[in-house]
């Protein structure tokens, strides 16, 4: 049986990739102040108190955007929402609620999936008051964290593994897999080959050079 999947979702630049790297324990997803850095779904294993799950980072969700890249990212987020067993919905505690936050909150409610609303960029107990505004999103399960400083990351993980229950218990390990890297110049079809081999659209494919930015690890 596969490990449960936990997906990180949110609008652009709320700290999703910083959180992903923090939970994974290494810098796997590219982090930058510029919006739209993450595009494809990025997967990595996480272990906490003897429990295991697969964490998925996603690009910033922009609803109803006609731009080809934003539309492709949105499709990747929607796939992650569909396959996830648990959702980590990240918002920016300093910016307050945005219209996109409200759209995503509605999607989570309609999905009927378990979730945790993470009010990110809350670096001290004094700033915890900023989380109260986000109760207006109508999502009861809420915690304030700082992905950058690790504040309350342990509490976050405790909540996740408790919600996943026995599904996160370690499974019998498979023999070591052979790792294959697909490399080449920009725009020669690496993502198309990856998707063909995996049998799913895990990497965004466009005619724009440099569409793929992060390395995509798949099993």
N, C-alpha and C. Protein backbone atom coordinates (compact mmCIF):
# COMPACT_ATOMS: atom_id res chain seq x y z
N UNK A 1 0.84 -1.20 0.00
CA UNK A 1 0.00 0.00 0.00
C UNK A 1 0.88 1.25 0.00
N UNK A 2 0.54 2.23 -0.83
CA UNK A 2 1.32 3.45 -0.93
C UNK A 2 1.15 4.31 0.32
N UNK A 3 2.14 5.14 0.57
CA UNK A 3 2.05 6.07 1.69
C UNK A 3 0.95 7.10 1.42
N UNK A 4 0.31 7.61 2.48
CA UNK A 4 -0.68 8.66 2.27
C UNK A 4 -0.02 9.91 1.69
N UNK A 5 -0.80 10.67 0.94
CA UNK A 5 -0.29 11.86 0.27
C UNK A 5 -0.83 13.11 0.95
N UNK A 6 0.07 14.02 1.28
CA UNK A 6 -0.28 15.31 1.89
C UNK A 6 0.13 16.40 0.91
N UNK A 7 -0.82 17.20 0.45
CA UNK A 7 -0.55 18.23 -0.56
C UNK A 7 -0.56 19.61 0.07
N UNK A 8 0.44 20.41 -0.29
CA UNK A 8 0.52 21.82 0.12
C UNK A 8 -0.09 22.66 -1.00
N UNK A 9 -1.09 23.47 -0.66
CA UNK A 9 -1.72 24.32 -1.66
C UNK A 9 -1.83 25.75 -1.14
N UNK A 10 -2.00 26.69 -2.04
CA UNK A 10 -2.15 28.09 -1.66
C UNK A 10 -1.89 28.98 -2.85
N UNK A 11 -2.18 30.25 -2.70
CA UNK A 11 -1.92 31.20 -3.78
C UNK A 11 -0.41 31.44 -3.89
N UNK A 12 0.05 32.18 -4.90
CA UNK A 12 1.48 32.41 -5.05
C UNK A 12 2.10 33.17 -3.89
N UNK A 13 3.34 32.79 -3.56
CA UNK A 13 4.19 33.55 -2.65
C UNK A 13 3.71 33.61 -1.20
N UNK A 14 3.06 32.55 -0.73
CA UNK A 14 2.65 32.50 0.68
C UNK A 14 3.61 31.65 1.50
N UNK A 15 4.63 31.06 0.85
CA UNK A 15 5.63 30.28 1.57
C UNK A 15 5.47 28.77 1.46
N UNK A 16 4.80 28.31 0.40
CA UNK A 16 4.57 26.87 0.25
C UNK A 16 5.87 26.09 0.08
N UNK A 17 6.75 26.56 -0.78
CA UNK A 17 7.99 25.83 -1.03
C UNK A 17 8.94 25.90 0.16
N UNK A 18 8.94 27.02 0.88
CA UNK A 18 9.72 27.10 2.11
C UNK A 18 9.22 26.09 3.12
N UNK A 19 7.90 25.96 3.23
CA UNK A 19 7.31 24.96 4.13
C UNK A 19 7.67 23.55 3.66
N UNK A 20 7.56 23.30 2.37
CA UNK A 20 7.91 21.98 1.82
C UNK A 20 9.34 21.61 2.19
N UNK A 21 10.28 22.52 1.96
CA UNK A 21 11.68 22.24 2.29
C UNK A 21 11.87 22.02 3.78
N UNK A 22 11.15 22.77 4.59
CA UNK A 22 11.25 22.62 6.04
C UNK A 22 10.77 21.24 6.48
N UNK A 23 9.65 20.79 5.95
CA UNK A 23 9.09 19.50 6.36
C UNK A 23 9.91 18.34 5.82
N UNK A 24 10.45 18.51 4.63
CA UNK A 24 11.26 17.45 4.02
C UNK A 24 12.64 17.37 4.66
N UNK A 25 13.11 18.51 5.16
CA UNK A 25 14.41 18.54 5.82
C UNK A 25 15.58 18.83 4.90
N UNK A 26 15.28 19.30 3.70
CA UNK A 26 16.34 19.68 2.78
C UNK A 26 15.77 20.64 1.74
N UNK A 27 16.66 21.33 1.05
CA UNK A 27 16.23 22.29 0.04
C UNK A 27 15.97 21.56 -1.28
N UNK A 28 14.76 21.09 -1.47
CA UNK A 28 14.41 20.37 -2.69
C UNK A 28 13.64 21.25 -3.67
N UNK A 29 12.77 22.11 -3.14
CA UNK A 29 12.01 23.02 -3.99
C UNK A 29 12.70 24.38 -4.05
N UNK A 30 12.75 24.98 -5.23
CA UNK A 30 13.36 26.29 -5.40
C UNK A 30 12.51 27.34 -4.68
N UNK A 31 13.18 28.23 -3.93
CA UNK A 31 12.49 29.29 -3.19
C UNK A 31 13.02 30.64 -3.67
N UNK A 32 12.11 31.56 -3.97
CA UNK A 32 12.50 32.89 -4.43
C UNK A 32 11.37 33.86 -4.11
N UNK A 33 11.70 35.14 -3.96
CA UNK A 33 10.68 36.14 -3.69
C UNK A 33 9.77 36.37 -4.90
N UNK A 34 10.26 36.05 -6.08
CA UNK A 34 9.46 36.20 -7.30
C UNK A 34 8.32 35.19 -7.28
N UNK A 35 7.13 35.63 -7.68
CA UNK A 35 5.98 34.73 -7.73
C UNK A 35 6.12 33.73 -8.88
N UNK A 36 5.49 32.58 -8.70
CA UNK A 36 5.38 31.61 -9.78
C UNK A 36 6.62 30.78 -10.02
N UNK A 37 7.50 30.64 -9.01
CA UNK A 37 8.72 29.85 -9.20
C UNK A 37 8.38 28.37 -9.34
N UNK A 38 7.56 27.84 -8.42
CA UNK A 38 7.17 26.44 -8.49
C UNK A 38 6.06 26.27 -9.52
N UNK A 39 6.21 25.25 -10.38
CA UNK A 39 5.21 25.01 -11.42
C UNK A 39 4.67 23.58 -11.36
N UNK A 40 5.58 22.60 -11.38
CA UNK A 40 5.15 21.21 -11.36
C UNK A 40 4.88 20.74 -9.93
N UNK A 41 4.25 19.58 -9.80
CA UNK A 41 4.11 18.94 -8.50
C UNK A 41 5.44 18.30 -8.12
N UNK A 42 5.89 18.56 -6.89
CA UNK A 42 7.15 18.02 -6.40
C UNK A 42 6.86 17.12 -5.21
N UNK A 43 7.37 15.89 -5.24
CA UNK A 43 7.07 14.90 -4.21
C UNK A 43 8.32 14.59 -3.39
N UNK A 44 8.12 14.33 -2.09
CA UNK A 44 9.23 13.90 -1.23
C UNK A 44 8.66 13.18 -0.01
N UNK A 45 9.40 12.20 0.53
CA UNK A 45 8.94 11.48 1.72
C UNK A 45 9.20 12.28 2.99
N UNK A 46 8.30 12.15 3.95
CA UNK A 46 8.46 12.77 5.26
C UNK A 46 8.23 11.71 6.33
N UNK A 47 9.07 11.73 7.37
CA UNK A 47 8.89 10.83 8.52
C UNK A 47 8.81 11.66 9.79
N UNK A 48 7.84 11.31 10.64
CA UNK A 48 7.66 12.05 11.89
C UNK A 48 7.11 11.09 12.95
N UNK A 49 7.81 10.98 14.05
CA UNK A 49 7.42 10.11 15.18
C UNK A 49 7.02 8.71 14.72
N UNK A 50 7.81 8.16 13.81
CA UNK A 50 7.55 6.81 13.35
C UNK A 50 6.47 6.68 12.30
N UNK A 51 5.88 7.79 11.89
CA UNK A 51 4.86 7.78 10.84
C UNK A 51 5.48 8.34 9.55
N UNK A 52 4.94 7.90 8.41
CA UNK A 52 5.48 8.31 7.12
C UNK A 52 4.37 8.75 6.17
N UNK A 53 4.67 9.76 5.38
CA UNK A 53 3.75 10.16 4.32
C UNK A 53 4.53 10.81 3.19
N UNK A 54 3.87 10.97 2.06
CA UNK A 54 4.47 11.63 0.90
C UNK A 54 3.94 13.06 0.83
N UNK A 55 4.85 14.02 0.82
CA UNK A 55 4.48 15.44 0.77
C UNK A 55 4.57 15.94 -0.67
N UNK A 56 3.61 16.76 -1.08
CA UNK A 56 3.57 17.30 -2.43
C UNK A 56 3.54 18.83 -2.38
N UNK A 57 4.50 19.44 -3.04
CA UNK A 57 4.50 20.90 -3.20
C UNK A 57 3.83 21.23 -4.53
N UNK A 58 3.11 22.33 -4.56
CA UNK A 58 2.43 22.75 -5.79
C UNK A 58 2.72 24.21 -6.08
N UNK A 59 2.46 24.62 -7.31
CA UNK A 59 2.62 26.01 -7.68
C UNK A 59 1.50 26.86 -7.11
N UNK A 60 1.67 28.17 -7.20
CA UNK A 60 0.66 29.09 -6.69
C UNK A 60 -0.61 29.06 -7.51
N UNK A 61 -1.73 28.84 -6.83
CA UNK A 61 -3.03 28.71 -7.50
C UNK A 61 -3.57 30.09 -7.88
N UNK A 62 -3.88 30.27 -9.15
CA UNK A 62 -4.50 31.51 -9.64
C UNK A 62 -5.78 31.12 -10.37
N UNK A 63 -6.96 31.41 -9.81
CA UNK A 63 -8.21 30.98 -10.45
C UNK A 63 -8.52 31.77 -11.71
N UNK A 64 -9.09 31.08 -12.69
CA UNK A 64 -9.64 31.74 -13.89
C UNK A 64 -8.62 32.60 -14.62
N UNK A 65 -7.37 32.16 -14.65
CA UNK A 65 -6.33 32.90 -15.37
C UNK A 65 -6.12 32.25 -16.74
N UNK A 66 -6.17 33.05 -17.79
CA UNK A 66 -6.08 32.52 -19.15
C UNK A 66 -4.65 32.29 -19.60
N UNK A 67 -3.67 32.91 -18.93
CA UNK A 67 -2.27 32.73 -19.29
C UNK A 67 -1.93 31.25 -19.34
N UNK A 68 -1.22 30.82 -20.38
CA UNK A 68 -0.97 29.39 -20.59
C UNK A 68 -0.22 28.75 -19.43
N UNK A 69 0.75 29.47 -18.84
CA UNK A 69 1.52 28.90 -17.75
C UNK A 69 0.69 28.84 -16.47
N UNK A 70 -0.02 29.92 -16.14
CA UNK A 70 -0.85 29.92 -14.94
C UNK A 70 -1.94 28.86 -15.04
N UNK A 71 -2.49 28.68 -16.23
CA UNK A 71 -3.51 27.66 -16.43
C UNK A 71 -2.94 26.26 -16.23
N UNK A 72 -1.72 26.03 -16.72
CA UNK A 72 -1.07 24.73 -16.55
C UNK A 72 -0.76 24.46 -15.08
N UNK A 73 -0.30 25.49 -14.36
CA UNK A 73 -0.03 25.34 -12.93
C UNK A 73 -1.32 25.02 -12.19
N UNK A 74 -2.40 25.72 -12.53
CA UNK A 74 -3.69 25.47 -11.88
C UNK A 74 -4.12 24.02 -12.08
N UNK A 75 -3.90 23.49 -13.26
CA UNK A 75 -4.26 22.09 -13.53
C UNK A 75 -3.43 21.15 -12.65
N UNK A 76 -2.15 21.47 -12.46
CA UNK A 76 -1.31 20.64 -11.59
C UNK A 76 -1.81 20.68 -10.14
N UNK A 77 -2.23 21.85 -9.69
CA UNK A 77 -2.77 21.97 -8.33
C UNK A 77 -4.04 21.14 -8.19
N UNK A 78 -4.89 21.19 -9.19
CA UNK A 78 -6.15 20.44 -9.15
C UNK A 78 -5.90 18.93 -9.11
N UNK A 79 -4.86 18.47 -9.81
CA UNK A 79 -4.50 17.05 -9.75
C UNK A 79 -4.04 16.70 -8.34
N UNK A 80 -3.23 17.56 -7.73
CA UNK A 80 -2.75 17.32 -6.37
C UNK A 80 -3.92 17.29 -5.38
N UNK A 81 -4.88 18.18 -5.56
CA UNK A 81 -6.06 18.19 -4.70
C UNK A 81 -6.83 16.87 -4.81
N UNK A 82 -6.91 16.35 -6.01
CA UNK A 82 -7.67 15.12 -6.24
C UNK A 82 -6.99 13.91 -5.61
N UNK A 83 -5.66 13.83 -5.72
CA UNK A 83 -4.95 12.64 -5.26
C UNK A 83 -4.60 12.67 -3.77
N UNK A 84 -4.69 13.83 -3.14
CA UNK A 84 -4.25 13.97 -1.75
C UNK A 84 -5.21 13.32 -0.76
N UNK A 85 -4.64 12.81 0.32
CA UNK A 85 -5.42 12.29 1.45
C UNK A 85 -5.61 13.37 2.51
N UNK A 86 -4.72 14.37 2.51
CA UNK A 86 -4.77 15.44 3.51
C UNK A 86 -4.23 16.70 2.85
N UNK A 87 -4.82 17.85 3.19
CA UNK A 87 -4.45 19.11 2.56
C UNK A 87 -3.86 20.09 3.57
N UNK A 88 -2.74 20.70 3.22
CA UNK A 88 -2.17 21.80 3.98
C UNK A 88 -2.41 23.07 3.17
N UNK A 89 -3.34 23.88 3.63
CA UNK A 89 -3.73 25.11 2.93
C UNK A 89 -2.97 26.27 3.56
N UNK A 90 -2.04 26.86 2.82
CA UNK A 90 -1.15 27.89 3.34
C UNK A 90 -1.65 29.28 2.94
N UNK A 91 -1.72 30.18 3.93
CA UNK A 91 -2.07 31.58 3.68
C UNK A 91 -0.98 32.45 4.30
N UNK A 92 -0.93 33.70 3.89
CA UNK A 92 0.07 34.65 4.40
C UNK A 92 -0.54 35.45 5.54
N UNK A 93 -0.08 35.20 6.76
CA UNK A 93 -0.64 35.86 7.93
C UNK A 93 -0.42 37.36 7.94
N UNK A 94 0.58 37.84 7.23
CA UNK A 94 0.86 39.27 7.20
C UNK A 94 -0.01 40.01 6.19
N UNK A 95 -0.38 39.32 5.12
CA UNK A 95 -1.16 39.96 4.06
C UNK A 95 -2.66 39.97 4.33
N UNK A 96 -3.13 39.05 5.17
CA UNK A 96 -4.57 38.94 5.38
C UNK A 96 -5.22 38.09 4.29
N UNK A 97 -6.54 38.04 4.32
CA UNK A 97 -7.29 37.19 3.40
C UNK A 97 -7.36 37.83 2.01
N UNK A 98 -7.10 37.03 0.99
CA UNK A 98 -7.22 37.49 -0.39
C UNK A 98 -8.40 36.78 -1.05
N UNK A 99 -8.89 37.30 -2.17
CA UNK A 99 -9.97 36.61 -2.90
C UNK A 99 -9.59 35.18 -3.29
N UNK A 100 -8.32 34.96 -3.64
CA UNK A 100 -7.90 33.61 -4.00
C UNK A 100 -7.94 32.68 -2.79
N UNK A 101 -7.60 33.20 -1.60
CA UNK A 101 -7.73 32.40 -0.38
C UNK A 101 -9.18 31.94 -0.21
N UNK A 102 -10.11 32.82 -0.48
CA UNK A 102 -11.53 32.48 -0.34
C UNK A 102 -11.95 31.41 -1.34
N UNK A 103 -11.42 31.50 -2.56
CA UNK A 103 -11.72 30.49 -3.58
C UNK A 103 -11.19 29.13 -3.14
N UNK A 104 -9.96 29.09 -2.65
CA UNK A 104 -9.36 27.83 -2.22
C UNK A 104 -10.06 27.25 -0.99
N UNK A 105 -10.48 28.12 -0.08
CA UNK A 105 -11.22 27.65 1.09
C UNK A 105 -12.51 26.97 0.67
N UNK A 106 -13.17 27.54 -0.32
CA UNK A 106 -14.41 26.94 -0.83
C UNK A 106 -14.14 25.59 -1.49
N UNK A 107 -13.04 25.50 -2.23
CA UNK A 107 -12.66 24.23 -2.87
C UNK A 107 -12.41 23.16 -1.81
N UNK A 108 -11.74 23.53 -0.73
CA UNK A 108 -11.44 22.57 0.34
C UNK A 108 -12.72 22.10 1.01
N UNK A 109 -13.63 23.03 1.28
CA UNK A 109 -14.90 22.64 1.90
C UNK A 109 -15.66 21.65 1.02
N UNK A 110 -15.70 21.92 -0.27
CA UNK A 110 -16.43 21.05 -1.19
C UNK A 110 -15.73 19.72 -1.43
N UNK A 111 -14.43 19.67 -1.20
CA UNK A 111 -13.69 18.43 -1.41
C UNK A 111 -13.99 17.39 -0.34
N UNK A 112 -14.43 17.84 0.83
CA UNK A 112 -14.73 16.96 1.95
C UNK A 112 -13.49 16.19 2.40
N UNK A 113 -12.30 16.74 2.15
CA UNK A 113 -11.06 16.10 2.58
C UNK A 113 -10.56 16.75 3.87
N UNK A 114 -9.83 15.95 4.65
CA UNK A 114 -9.26 16.49 5.88
C UNK A 114 -8.18 17.51 5.52
N UNK A 115 -7.99 18.49 6.38
CA UNK A 115 -7.11 19.61 6.04
C UNK A 115 -6.56 20.25 7.31
N UNK A 116 -5.61 21.15 7.11
CA UNK A 116 -5.14 22.04 8.15
C UNK A 116 -4.85 23.38 7.48
N UNK A 117 -5.47 24.44 7.99
CA UNK A 117 -5.23 25.79 7.49
C UNK A 117 -4.01 26.35 8.21
N UNK A 118 -2.96 26.67 7.47
CA UNK A 118 -1.71 27.16 8.04
C UNK A 118 -1.57 28.65 7.78
N UNK A 119 -1.63 29.42 8.85
CA UNK A 119 -1.39 30.86 8.74
C UNK A 119 0.11 31.07 8.87
N UNK A 120 0.77 31.23 7.74
CA UNK A 120 2.24 31.26 7.69
C UNK A 120 2.78 32.67 7.94
N UNK A 121 4.08 32.73 8.21
CA UNK A 121 4.83 33.97 8.44
C UNK A 121 4.46 34.62 9.76
N UNK A 122 4.04 33.79 10.73
CA UNK A 122 3.76 34.27 12.09
C UNK A 122 4.95 33.87 12.95
N UNK A 123 5.84 34.82 13.23
CA UNK A 123 7.14 34.50 13.81
C UNK A 123 7.20 34.58 15.33
N UNK A 124 6.14 35.02 15.98
CA UNK A 124 6.18 35.14 17.44
C UNK A 124 4.78 34.96 18.02
N UNK A 125 4.74 34.70 19.33
CA UNK A 125 3.45 34.54 20.01
C UNK A 125 2.62 35.82 19.91
N UNK A 126 3.28 36.97 19.91
CA UNK A 126 2.55 38.23 19.83
C UNK A 126 1.79 38.36 18.51
N UNK A 127 2.33 37.74 17.47
CA UNK A 127 1.69 37.83 16.16
C UNK A 127 0.56 36.82 15.98
N UNK A 128 0.37 35.95 16.97
CA UNK A 128 -0.69 34.94 16.86
C UNK A 128 -2.07 35.57 16.68
N UNK A 129 -2.22 36.81 17.15
CA UNK A 129 -3.51 37.49 17.00
C UNK A 129 -3.90 37.65 15.53
N UNK A 130 -2.88 37.66 14.66
CA UNK A 130 -3.16 37.83 13.23
C UNK A 130 -3.94 36.66 12.65
N UNK A 131 -3.89 35.51 13.32
CA UNK A 131 -4.57 34.33 12.78
C UNK A 131 -6.09 34.44 12.87
N UNK A 132 -6.58 35.28 13.79
CA UNK A 132 -8.03 35.33 14.03
C UNK A 132 -8.81 35.75 12.79
N UNK A 133 -8.22 36.63 11.98
CA UNK A 133 -8.91 37.08 10.76
C UNK A 133 -9.27 35.90 9.86
N UNK A 134 -8.42 34.88 9.87
CA UNK A 134 -8.59 33.77 8.92
C UNK A 134 -9.70 32.81 9.31
N UNK A 135 -10.28 32.98 10.48
CA UNK A 135 -11.46 32.19 10.84
C UNK A 135 -12.62 32.54 9.91
N UNK A 136 -12.55 33.72 9.28
CA UNK A 136 -13.62 34.12 8.35
C UNK A 136 -13.69 33.21 7.12
N UNK A 137 -12.63 32.44 6.89
CA UNK A 137 -12.65 31.52 5.75
C UNK A 137 -13.55 30.32 5.99
N UNK A 138 -14.00 30.16 7.22
CA UNK A 138 -14.93 29.08 7.52
C UNK A 138 -14.29 27.71 7.66
N UNK A 139 -12.98 27.68 7.91
CA UNK A 139 -12.26 26.43 8.12
C UNK A 139 -11.82 26.37 9.58
N UNK A 140 -12.30 25.39 10.31
CA UNK A 140 -12.10 25.35 11.76
C UNK A 140 -10.69 24.94 12.16
N UNK A 141 -10.07 24.05 11.39
CA UNK A 141 -8.76 23.51 11.78
C UNK A 141 -7.67 24.47 11.31
N UNK A 142 -7.12 25.23 12.25
CA UNK A 142 -6.21 26.32 11.92
C UNK A 142 -5.05 26.35 12.89
N UNK A 143 -3.85 26.64 12.38
CA UNK A 143 -2.68 26.80 13.23
C UNK A 143 -1.77 27.85 12.59
N UNK A 144 -1.17 28.71 13.42
CA UNK A 144 -0.23 29.70 12.90
C UNK A 144 1.18 29.12 12.99
N UNK A 145 1.97 29.33 11.94
CA UNK A 145 3.32 28.77 11.87
C UNK A 145 4.26 29.76 11.21
N UNK A 146 5.55 29.45 11.27
CA UNK A 146 6.54 30.15 10.46
C UNK A 146 7.41 29.09 9.80
N UNK A 147 7.23 28.91 8.51
CA UNK A 147 8.06 27.94 7.79
C UNK A 147 9.52 28.36 7.79
N UNK A 148 9.76 29.67 7.80
CA UNK A 148 11.13 30.17 7.74
C UNK A 148 11.90 29.90 9.02
N UNK A 149 11.25 30.11 10.18
CA UNK A 149 11.93 29.94 11.46
C UNK A 149 11.62 28.62 12.15
N UNK A 150 10.76 27.81 11.57
CA UNK A 150 10.35 26.50 12.12
C UNK A 150 9.36 26.62 13.28
N UNK A 151 8.84 27.79 13.54
CA UNK A 151 7.92 27.95 14.66
C UNK A 151 6.66 27.10 14.45
N UNK A 152 6.36 26.27 15.43
CA UNK A 152 5.19 25.38 15.48
C UNK A 152 5.16 24.33 14.36
N UNK A 153 6.31 24.08 13.75
CA UNK A 153 6.35 23.04 12.71
C UNK A 153 6.11 21.67 13.34
N UNK A 154 6.62 21.46 14.55
CA UNK A 154 6.36 20.21 15.25
C UNK A 154 4.88 20.00 15.52
N UNK A 155 4.19 21.07 15.92
CA UNK A 155 2.74 20.98 16.15
C UNK A 155 2.01 20.65 14.85
N UNK A 156 2.46 21.26 13.77
CA UNK A 156 1.86 20.98 12.46
C UNK A 156 1.98 19.49 12.13
N UNK A 157 3.18 18.95 12.26
CA UNK A 157 3.41 17.54 11.94
C UNK A 157 2.64 16.62 12.86
N UNK A 158 2.54 16.98 14.14
CA UNK A 158 1.73 16.19 15.08
C UNK A 158 0.29 16.09 14.59
N UNK A 159 -0.25 17.21 14.13
CA UNK A 159 -1.62 17.23 13.63
C UNK A 159 -1.78 16.37 12.38
N UNK A 160 -0.80 16.42 11.49
CA UNK A 160 -0.89 15.66 10.24
C UNK A 160 -0.88 14.16 10.51
N UNK A 161 0.11 13.68 11.29
CA UNK A 161 0.21 12.23 11.50
C UNK A 161 -0.95 11.71 12.34
N UNK A 162 -1.48 12.56 13.24
CA UNK A 162 -2.66 12.14 14.01
C UNK A 162 -3.86 11.96 13.09
N UNK A 163 -4.01 12.87 12.13
CA UNK A 163 -5.13 12.77 11.20
C UNK A 163 -4.99 11.58 10.26
N UNK A 164 -3.77 11.27 9.86
CA UNK A 164 -3.54 10.15 8.94
C UNK A 164 -3.69 8.80 9.62
N UNK A 165 -3.42 8.76 10.93
CA UNK A 165 -3.63 7.53 11.70
C UNK A 165 -2.78 6.37 11.20
N UNK A 166 -3.37 5.19 11.18
CA UNK A 166 -2.63 3.97 10.82
C UNK A 166 -2.16 3.96 9.37
N UNK A 167 -2.77 4.77 8.53
CA UNK A 167 -2.35 4.78 7.12
C UNK A 167 -0.92 5.28 6.97
N UNK A 168 -0.40 5.99 8.00
CA UNK A 168 0.96 6.52 7.94
C UNK A 168 1.98 5.61 8.61
N UNK A 169 1.55 4.44 9.07
CA UNK A 169 2.50 3.49 9.66
C UNK A 169 3.45 3.01 8.58
N UNK A 170 4.73 2.79 8.92
CA UNK A 170 5.71 2.36 7.91
C UNK A 170 5.30 1.06 7.23
N UNK A 171 5.53 1.02 5.94
CA UNK A 171 5.25 -0.18 5.15
C UNK A 171 6.55 -0.95 4.93
N UNK A 172 6.42 -2.21 4.54
CA UNK A 172 7.61 -3.00 4.21
C UNK A 172 8.36 -2.32 3.08
N UNK A 173 9.67 -2.20 3.26
CA UNK A 173 10.47 -1.49 2.27
C UNK A 173 10.67 -2.33 1.01
N UNK A 174 10.59 -1.66 -0.13
CA UNK A 174 10.88 -2.30 -1.41
C UNK A 174 12.39 -2.32 -1.63
N UNK A 175 12.88 -3.23 -2.48
CA UNK A 175 14.31 -3.20 -2.83
C UNK A 175 14.66 -1.85 -3.45
N UNK A 176 15.92 -1.50 -3.34
CA UNK A 176 16.38 -0.22 -3.89
C UNK A 176 16.05 -0.13 -5.38
N UNK A 177 15.45 0.97 -5.78
CA UNK A 177 15.11 1.19 -7.18
C UNK A 177 16.32 1.74 -7.93
N UNK A 178 16.32 1.54 -9.22
CA UNK A 178 17.32 2.17 -10.08
C UNK A 178 16.84 3.59 -10.39
N UNK A 179 17.70 4.56 -10.16
CA UNK A 179 17.34 5.95 -10.41
C UNK A 179 17.78 6.35 -11.81
N UNK A 180 16.87 6.95 -12.56
CA UNK A 180 17.14 7.37 -13.93
C UNK A 180 16.91 8.87 -14.04
N UNK A 181 17.89 9.61 -14.52
CA UNK A 181 17.75 11.05 -14.71
C UNK A 181 17.58 11.37 -16.19
N UNK A 182 16.62 12.25 -16.48
CA UNK A 182 16.41 12.71 -17.86
C UNK A 182 16.97 14.12 -17.96
N UNK A 183 18.02 14.29 -18.76
CA UNK A 183 18.70 15.58 -18.87
C UNK A 183 18.78 15.98 -20.34
N UNK A 184 18.99 17.27 -20.57
CA UNK A 184 19.11 17.76 -21.94
C UNK A 184 18.97 19.26 -22.00
N UNK A 185 19.17 19.83 -23.15
CA UNK A 185 19.04 21.26 -23.35
C UNK A 185 17.58 21.69 -23.19
N UNK A 186 17.33 22.99 -22.98
CA UNK A 186 15.95 23.46 -22.86
C UNK A 186 15.13 23.16 -24.11
N UNK A 187 13.88 22.79 -23.88
CA UNK A 187 12.89 22.66 -24.96
C UNK A 187 13.18 21.53 -25.96
N UNK A 188 13.79 20.43 -25.47
CA UNK A 188 14.02 19.28 -26.36
C UNK A 188 13.04 18.15 -26.09
N UNK A 189 12.13 18.34 -25.10
CA UNK A 189 11.09 17.35 -24.86
C UNK A 189 11.29 16.49 -23.63
N UNK A 190 12.09 16.94 -22.67
CA UNK A 190 12.35 16.13 -21.47
C UNK A 190 11.07 15.90 -20.67
N UNK A 191 10.26 16.94 -20.49
CA UNK A 191 9.03 16.79 -19.70
C UNK A 191 8.03 15.89 -20.41
N UNK A 192 7.98 15.97 -21.73
CA UNK A 192 7.08 15.09 -22.48
C UNK A 192 7.47 13.63 -22.30
N UNK A 193 8.78 13.35 -22.33
CA UNK A 193 9.26 11.98 -22.12
C UNK A 193 8.94 11.52 -20.71
N UNK A 194 9.15 12.41 -19.72
CA UNK A 194 8.84 12.06 -18.33
C UNK A 194 7.38 11.68 -18.17
N UNK A 195 6.49 12.50 -18.72
CA UNK A 195 5.06 12.22 -18.62
C UNK A 195 4.69 10.91 -19.32
N UNK A 196 5.33 10.65 -20.45
CA UNK A 196 5.06 9.41 -21.19
C UNK A 196 5.47 8.19 -20.38
N UNK A 197 6.64 8.25 -19.76
CA UNK A 197 7.13 7.13 -18.97
C UNK A 197 6.28 6.90 -17.72
N UNK A 198 5.82 8.00 -17.11
CA UNK A 198 5.03 7.89 -15.88
C UNK A 198 3.56 7.60 -16.14
N UNK A 199 3.13 7.87 -17.37
CA UNK A 199 1.73 7.63 -17.69
C UNK A 199 0.79 8.66 -17.11
N UNK A 200 1.30 9.86 -16.80
CA UNK A 200 0.47 10.94 -16.28
C UNK A 200 1.15 12.27 -16.54
N UNK A 201 0.37 13.36 -16.47
CA UNK A 201 0.91 14.69 -16.72
C UNK A 201 1.49 15.26 -15.43
N UNK A 202 2.65 14.77 -15.03
CA UNK A 202 3.27 15.24 -13.79
C UNK A 202 4.10 16.50 -14.04
N UNK A 203 4.61 16.66 -15.23
CA UNK A 203 5.39 17.85 -15.58
C UNK A 203 4.63 18.68 -16.60
N UNK A 204 4.63 19.99 -16.41
CA UNK A 204 3.98 20.90 -17.35
C UNK A 204 4.76 20.92 -18.66
N UNK A 205 4.05 20.85 -19.76
CA UNK A 205 4.67 20.86 -21.09
C UNK A 205 4.15 22.06 -21.88
N UNK A 206 5.06 22.95 -22.29
CA UNK A 206 4.71 24.07 -23.17
C UNK A 206 5.85 24.26 -24.17
N UNK A 207 5.65 25.18 -25.11
CA UNK A 207 6.71 25.52 -26.06
C UNK A 207 7.66 26.56 -25.49
N UNK A 208 7.43 26.99 -24.25
CA UNK A 208 8.25 28.02 -23.63
C UNK A 208 9.51 27.38 -23.04
N UNK A 209 10.72 27.79 -23.48
CA UNK A 209 11.95 27.23 -22.90
C UNK A 209 12.01 27.51 -21.40
N UNK A 210 12.52 26.54 -20.63
CA UNK A 210 12.67 26.73 -19.19
C UNK A 210 11.39 26.55 -18.41
N UNK A 211 10.41 25.87 -18.98
CA UNK A 211 9.14 25.67 -18.27
C UNK A 211 9.36 24.90 -16.97
N UNK A 212 10.16 23.83 -17.02
CA UNK A 212 10.46 23.05 -15.82
C UNK A 212 11.60 23.71 -15.06
N UNK A 213 11.39 23.94 -13.75
CA UNK A 213 12.42 24.59 -12.94
C UNK A 213 12.96 23.67 -11.86
N UNK A 214 12.06 22.94 -11.17
CA UNK A 214 12.49 22.02 -10.13
C UNK A 214 12.74 20.64 -10.71
N UNK A 215 13.60 19.86 -10.03
CA UNK A 215 13.75 18.46 -10.42
C UNK A 215 12.51 17.71 -9.94
N UNK A 216 12.02 16.78 -10.75
CA UNK A 216 10.81 16.03 -10.45
C UNK A 216 11.20 14.61 -10.08
N UNK A 217 10.93 14.22 -8.83
CA UNK A 217 11.28 12.89 -8.33
C UNK A 217 10.02 12.04 -8.30
N UNK A 218 10.00 10.96 -9.08
CA UNK A 218 8.82 10.10 -9.17
C UNK A 218 9.23 8.64 -9.04
N UNK A 219 8.26 7.81 -8.58
CA UNK A 219 8.52 6.38 -8.38
C UNK A 219 7.52 5.57 -9.19
